[in-house]
C-alpha atoms as a PDB file:
ATOM      1  CA  MET A   1     -53.495  41.666  11.813  1.00  0.00           C
ATOM      2  CA  LEU A   2     -52.295  38.535  13.519  1.00  0.00           C
ATOM      3  CA  SER A   3     -49.451  38.787  15.917  1.00  0.00           C
ATOM      4  CA  CYS A   4     -47.443  35.981  17.305  1.00  0.00           C
ATOM      5  CA  SER A   5     -44.980  35.879  20.095  1.00  0.00           C
ATOM      6  CA  VAL A   6     -41.401  35.501  18.957  1.00  0.00           C
ATOM      7  CA  PRO A   7     -39.063  34.146  21.612  1.00  0.00           C
ATOM      8  CA  SER A   8     -36.263  36.485  22.548  1.00  0.00           C
ATOM      9  CA  VAL A   9     -32.652  35.680  21.766  1.00  0.00           C
ATOM     10  CA  GLN A  10     -32.028  35.195  25.506  1.00  0.00           C
ATOM     11  CA  THR A  11     -34.875  32.671  25.687  1.00  0.00           C
ATOM     12  CA  ASN A  12     -33.452  30.764  22.741  1.00  0.00           C
ATOM     13  CA  VAL A  13     -30.000  30.744  24.342  1.00  0.00           C
ATOM     14  CA  GLN A  14     -31.469  29.393  27.585  1.00  0.00           C
ATOM     15  CA  LEU A  15     -33.387  26.679  25.737  1.00  0.00           C
ATOM     16  CA  LEU A  16     -30.318  25.631  23.774  1.00  0.00           C
ATOM     17  CA  ALA A  17     -28.185  25.597  26.929  1.00  0.00           C
ATOM     18  CA  THR A  18     -30.808  23.502  28.717  1.00  0.00           C
ATOM     19  CA  CYS A  19     -30.751  21.030  25.819  1.00  0.00           C
ATOM     20  CA  TYR A  20     -26.971  20.849  26.013  1.00  0.00           C
ATOM     21  CA  LEU A  21     -27.115  20.214  29.766  1.00  0.00           C
ATOM     22  CA  HIS A  22     -29.742  17.483  29.384  1.00  0.00           C
ATOM     23  CA  ASN A  23     -27.607  15.938  26.643  1.00  0.00           C
ATOM     24  CA  ASN A  24     -24.579  15.899  28.989  1.00  0.00           C
ATOM     25  CA  GLN A  25     -22.726  18.584  27.013  1.00  0.00           C
ATOM     26  CA  PRO A  26     -21.952  21.213  29.664  1.00  0.00           C
ATOM     27  CA  TYR A  27     -18.973  22.556  27.693  1.00  0.00           C
ATOM     28  CA  ALA A  28     -21.281  23.641  24.871  1.00  0.00           C
ATOM     29  CA  ALA A  29     -23.702  25.239  27.351  1.00  0.00           C
ATOM     30  CA  TYR A  30     -20.795  26.996  29.084  1.00  0.00           C
ATOM     31  CA  HIS A  31     -19.716  28.840  25.953  1.00  0.00           C
ATOM     32  CA  ILE A  32     -23.164  30.102  24.995  1.00  0.00           C
ATOM     33  CA  LEU A  33     -24.102  31.185  28.547  1.00  0.00           C
ATOM     34  CA  LYS A  34     -20.859  32.868  29.632  1.00  0.00           C
ATOM     35  CA  GLY A  35     -21.438  36.569  30.307  1.00  0.00           C
ATOM     36  CA  LYS A  36     -25.251  36.452  30.185  1.00  0.00           C
ATOM     37  CA  LYS A  37     -26.865  38.618  32.867  1.00  0.00           C
ATOM     38  CA  LEU A  38     -30.487  37.456  33.104  1.00  0.00           C
ATOM     39  CA  PRO A  39     -31.175  35.560  36.342  1.00  0.00           C
ATOM     40  CA  GLU A  40     -32.315  32.433  34.474  1.00  0.00           C
ATOM     41  CA  SER A  41     -29.103  32.447  32.436  1.00  0.00           C
ATOM     42  CA  ARG A  42     -27.001  32.982  35.553  1.00  0.00           C
ATOM     43  CA  TYR A  43     -28.597  29.957  37.212  1.00  0.00           C
ATOM     44  CA  LEU A  44     -28.062  27.777  34.131  1.00  0.00           C
ATOM     45  CA  PHE A  45     -24.471  28.991  33.839  1.00  0.00           C
ATOM     46  CA  ALA A  46     -23.826  28.205  37.505  1.00  0.00           C
ATOM     47  CA  MET A  47     -25.299  24.730  37.010  1.00  0.00           C
ATOM     48  CA  THR A  48     -23.076  24.302  33.950  1.00  0.00           C
ATOM     49  CA  CYS A  49     -19.988  25.355  35.907  1.00  0.00           C
ATOM     50  CA  PHE A  50     -20.949  22.984  38.712  1.00  0.00           C
ATOM     51  CA  ARG A  51     -21.311  20.090  36.276  1.00  0.00           C
ATOM     52  CA  MET A  52     -17.841  20.926  34.913  1.00  0.00           C
ATOM     53  CA  ASN A  53     -16.464  21.136  38.498  1.00  0.00           C
ATOM     54  CA  ILE A  54     -15.622  24.841  38.164  1.00  0.00           C
ATOM     55  CA  LEU A  55     -17.057  25.572  41.596  1.00  0.00           C
ATOM     56  CA  ARG A  56     -15.528  29.020  42.111  1.00  0.00           C
ATOM     57  CA  GLU A  57     -17.018  30.328  38.872  1.00  0.00           C
ATOM     58  CA  ALA A  58     -20.363  28.717  39.712  1.00  0.00           C
ATOM     59  CA  GLU A  59     -20.392  30.478  43.086  1.00  0.00           C
ATOM     60  CA  ASP A  60     -19.300  33.815  41.607  1.00  0.00           C
ATOM     61  CA  THR A  61     -22.110  33.573  39.055  1.00  0.00           C
ATOM     62  CA  ILE A  62     -24.807  32.962  41.656  1.00  0.00           C
ATOM     63  CA  CYS A  63     -23.585  35.600  44.109  1.00  0.00           C
ATOM     64  CA  PRO A  64     -21.029  37.927  42.504  1.00  0.00           C
ATOM     65  CA  VAL A  65     -18.537  39.433  44.953  1.00  0.00           C
ATOM     66  CA  ASN A  66     -18.749  42.838  43.260  1.00  0.00           C
ATOM     67  CA  GLU A  67     -22.570  42.878  43.606  1.00  0.00           C
ATOM     68  CA  PRO A  68     -23.301  41.872  47.220  1.00  0.00           C
ATOM     69  CA  ASN A  69     -26.989  42.872  47.092  1.00  0.00           C
ATOM     70  CA  ILE A  70     -27.856  40.906  43.969  1.00  0.00           C
ATOM     71  CA  GLU A  71     -30.588  38.306  44.424  1.00  0.00           C
ATOM     72  CA  VAL A  72     -29.769  34.613  44.080  1.00  0.00           C
ATOM     73  CA  PRO A  73     -31.300  33.533  40.750  1.00  0.00           C
ATOM     74  CA  SER A  74     -34.097  30.954  40.517  1.00  0.00           C
ATOM     75  CA  GLY A  75     -35.255  31.309  44.109  1.00  0.00           C
ATOM     76  CA  ALA A  76     -35.187  28.110  46.133  1.00  0.00           C
ATOM     77  CA  THR A  77     -33.367  26.123  43.455  1.00  0.00           C
ATOM     78  CA  GLY A  78     -30.641  28.773  43.295  1.00  0.00           C
ATOM     79  CA  HIS A  79     -30.140  28.624  47.066  1.00  0.00           C
ATOM     80  CA  TYR A  80     -30.093  24.828  46.864  1.00  0.00           C
ATOM     81  CA  LEU A  81     -27.359  24.902  44.199  1.00  0.00           C
ATOM     82  CA  LEU A  82     -25.358  27.427  46.224  1.00  0.00           C
ATOM     83  CA  GLY A  83     -25.689  25.141  49.255  1.00  0.00           C
ATOM     84  CA  ILE A  84     -24.351  22.216  47.237  1.00  0.00           C
ATOM     85  CA  ILE A  85     -21.408  24.343  46.073  1.00  0.00           C
ATOM     86  CA  TYR A  86     -20.660  25.375  49.659  1.00  0.00           C
ATOM     87  CA  ARG A  87     -20.855  21.755  50.838  1.00  0.00           C
ATOM     88  CA  CYS A  88     -18.498  20.616  48.068  1.00  0.00           C
ATOM     89  CA  THR A  89     -16.001  23.303  49.082  1.00  0.00           C
ATOM     90  CA  GLY A  90     -16.138  22.377  52.775  1.00  0.00           C
ATOM     91  CA  ARG A  91     -18.183  25.333  54.045  1.00  0.00           C
ATOM     92  CA  MET A  92     -20.806  23.355  55.935  1.00  0.00           C
ATOM     93  CA  SER A  93     -22.263  26.228  57.957  1.00  0.00           C
ATOM     94  CA  ALA A  94     -22.824  28.336  54.834  1.00  0.00           C
ATOM     95  CA  ALA A  95     -24.269  25.273  53.074  1.00  0.00           C
ATOM     96  CA  SER A  96     -26.716  24.754  55.923  1.00  0.00           C
ATOM     97  CA  GLU A  97     -27.837  28.401  55.665  1.00  0.00           C
ATOM     98  CA  GLN A  98     -28.482  28.062  51.936  1.00  0.00           C
ATOM     99  CA  PHE A  99     -30.451  24.824  52.308  1.00  0.00           C
ATOM    100  CA  THR A 100     -32.527  26.468  55.043  1.00  0.00           C
ATOM    101  CA  LYS A 101     -33.189  29.488  52.782  1.00  0.00           C
ATOM    102  CA  ALA A 102     -34.201  27.105  49.997  1.00  0.00           C
ATOM    103  CA  LEU A 103     -36.693  25.400  52.316  1.00  0.00           C
ATOM    104  CA  THR A 104     -38.007  28.754  53.502  1.00  0.00           C
ATOM    105  CA  LEU A 105     -38.753  29.708  49.900  1.00  0.00           C
ATOM    106  CA  ASP A 106     -40.054  26.264  48.927  1.00  0.00           C
ATOM    107  CA  PRO A 107     -40.851  23.941  51.827  1.00  0.00           C
ATOM    108  CA  LEU A 108     -41.492  21.118  49.369  1.00  0.00           C
ATOM    109  CA  LEU A 109     -37.936  21.140  48.027  1.00  0.00           C
ATOM    110  CA  TRP A 110     -37.197  17.785  49.593  1.00  0.00           C
ATOM    111  CA  ALA A 111     -33.629  17.673  48.248  1.00  0.00           C
ATOM    112  CA  ALA A 112     -32.713  20.656  50.472  1.00  0.00           C
ATOM    113  CA  TYR A 113     -34.123  18.893  53.531  1.00  0.00           C
ATOM    114  CA  GLU A 114     -32.205  15.756  52.571  1.00  0.00           C
ATOM    115  CA  GLU A 115     -28.980  17.803  52.425  1.00  0.00           C
ATOM    116  CA  LEU A 116     -29.673  19.218  55.896  1.00  0.00           C
ATOM    117  CA  CYS A 117     -30.079  15.630  57.116  1.00  0.00           C
ATOM    118  CA  ILE A 118     -26.729  14.706  55.561  1.00  0.00           C
ATOM    119  CA  LEU A 119     -25.150  17.658  57.381  1.00  0.00           C
ATOM    120  CA  GLY A 120     -26.848  16.535  60.609  1.00  0.00           C
ATOM    121  CA  VAL A 121     -28.647  19.831  61.196  1.00  0.00           C
ATOM    122  CA  ALA A 122     -32.178  19.083  59.988  1.00  0.00           C
ATOM    123  CA  GLU A 123     -35.186  19.904  62.096  1.00  0.00           C
ATOM    124  CA  ASP A 124     -37.702  17.192  62.718  1.00  0.00           C
ATOM    125  CA  ALA A 125     -39.636  16.633  59.490  1.00  0.00           C
ATOM    126  CA  ASP A 126     -42.887  17.321  61.333  1.00  0.00           C
ATOM    127  CA  GLU A 127     -41.638  20.804  62.212  1.00  0.00           C
ATOM    128  CA  CYS A 128     -40.175  21.530  58.802  1.00  0.00           C
ATOM    129  CA  PHE A 129     -43.173  20.279  56.834  1.00  0.00           C
ATOM    130  CA  SER A 130     -45.904  21.377  59.206  1.00  0.00           C
ATOM    131  CA  GLU A 131     -49.573  21.950  58.512  1.00  0.00           C
ATOM    132  CA  ALA A 132     -48.931  25.710  58.741  1.00  0.00           C
ATOM    133  CA  THR A 133     -46.424  25.391  55.908  1.00  0.00           C
ATOM    134  CA  ALA A 134     -48.932  23.482  53.809  1.00  0.00           C
ATOM    135  CA  LEU A 135     -51.576  26.155  54.409  1.00  0.00           C
ATOM    136  CA  ARG A 136     -49.149  28.933  53.472  1.00  0.00           C
ATOM    137  CA  LEU A 137     -48.251  27.155  50.241  1.00  0.00           C
ATOM    138  CA  GLN A 138     -51.886  26.587  49.409  1.00  0.00           C
ATOM    139  CA  GLN A 139     -52.648  30.283  49.954  1.00  0.00           C
ATOM    140  CA  GLU A 140     -49.709  31.346  47.790  1.00  0.00           C
ATOM    141  CA  HIS A 141     -50.670  29.078  44.924  1.00  0.00           C
ATOM    142  CA  THR A 142     -54.394  29.848  45.017  1.00  0.00           C
ATOM    143  CA  SER A 143     -53.772  33.598  45.133  1.00  0.00           C
ATOM    144  CA  ASN A 144     -51.478  33.412  42.095  1.00  0.00           C
ATOM    145  CA  PRO A 145     -52.965  31.050  39.489  1.00  0.00           C
ATOM    146  CA  LEU A 146     -50.149  31.667  37.040  1.00  0.00           C
ATOM    147  CA  TRP A 147     -47.195  30.043  38.720  1.00  0.00           C
ATOM    148  CA  LYS A 148     -43.803  31.238  37.687  1.00  0.00           C
ATOM    149  CA  SER A 149     -41.994  28.537  35.818  1.00  0.00           C
ATOM    150  CA  GLN A 150     -38.614  27.718  37.269  1.00  0.00           C
ATOM    151  CA  THR A 151     -36.004  25.216  36.359  1.00  0.00           C
ATOM    152  CA  LEU A 152     -36.429  22.336  38.760  1.00  0.00           C
ATOM    153  CA  PRO A 153     -33.324  21.307  40.597  1.00  0.00           C
ATOM    154  CA  MET A 154     -31.703  18.204  39.284  1.00  0.00           C
ATOM    155  CA  LYS A 155     -30.568  15.758  41.912  1.00  0.00           C
ATOM    156  CA  ILE A 156     -26.907  16.622  42.000  1.00  0.00           C
ATOM    157  CA  GLU A 157     -24.680  13.592  42.149  1.00  0.00           C
ATOM    158  CA  LEU A 158     -21.254  14.096  43.682  1.00  0.00           C
END
């Protein structure tokens, strides 16, 4: 008997929402993602809210007030988006923390370093992107040949 993998409904929703976002239709993505609980859906929904300039809802989706211990979805890209939201709402110190967390998780996320430079709090690039960091990344990627796929951060234009 042959078996094939059928994508889940959640996966289909995420794919459709991603298509809507890439086609500059965040309103359509908003309505199909609202209320979804998977981390990938939460990240996409937050990105959708950001694109629609609904910053409070974007922030509440990434780090819900009623769930303080919930993990920021999508790792470094989620922290980067949260940093952008904080910067847009005038919370520069919190933005700096999120960009630093993003770089801790993914030292090659250049956009986060660029944001720290804009805020005037960036370390020297030699320190931030040191040889030790490169070795750590190489060890992580060679020890786990199946990299997790994540939505890459889009350069967010203000």
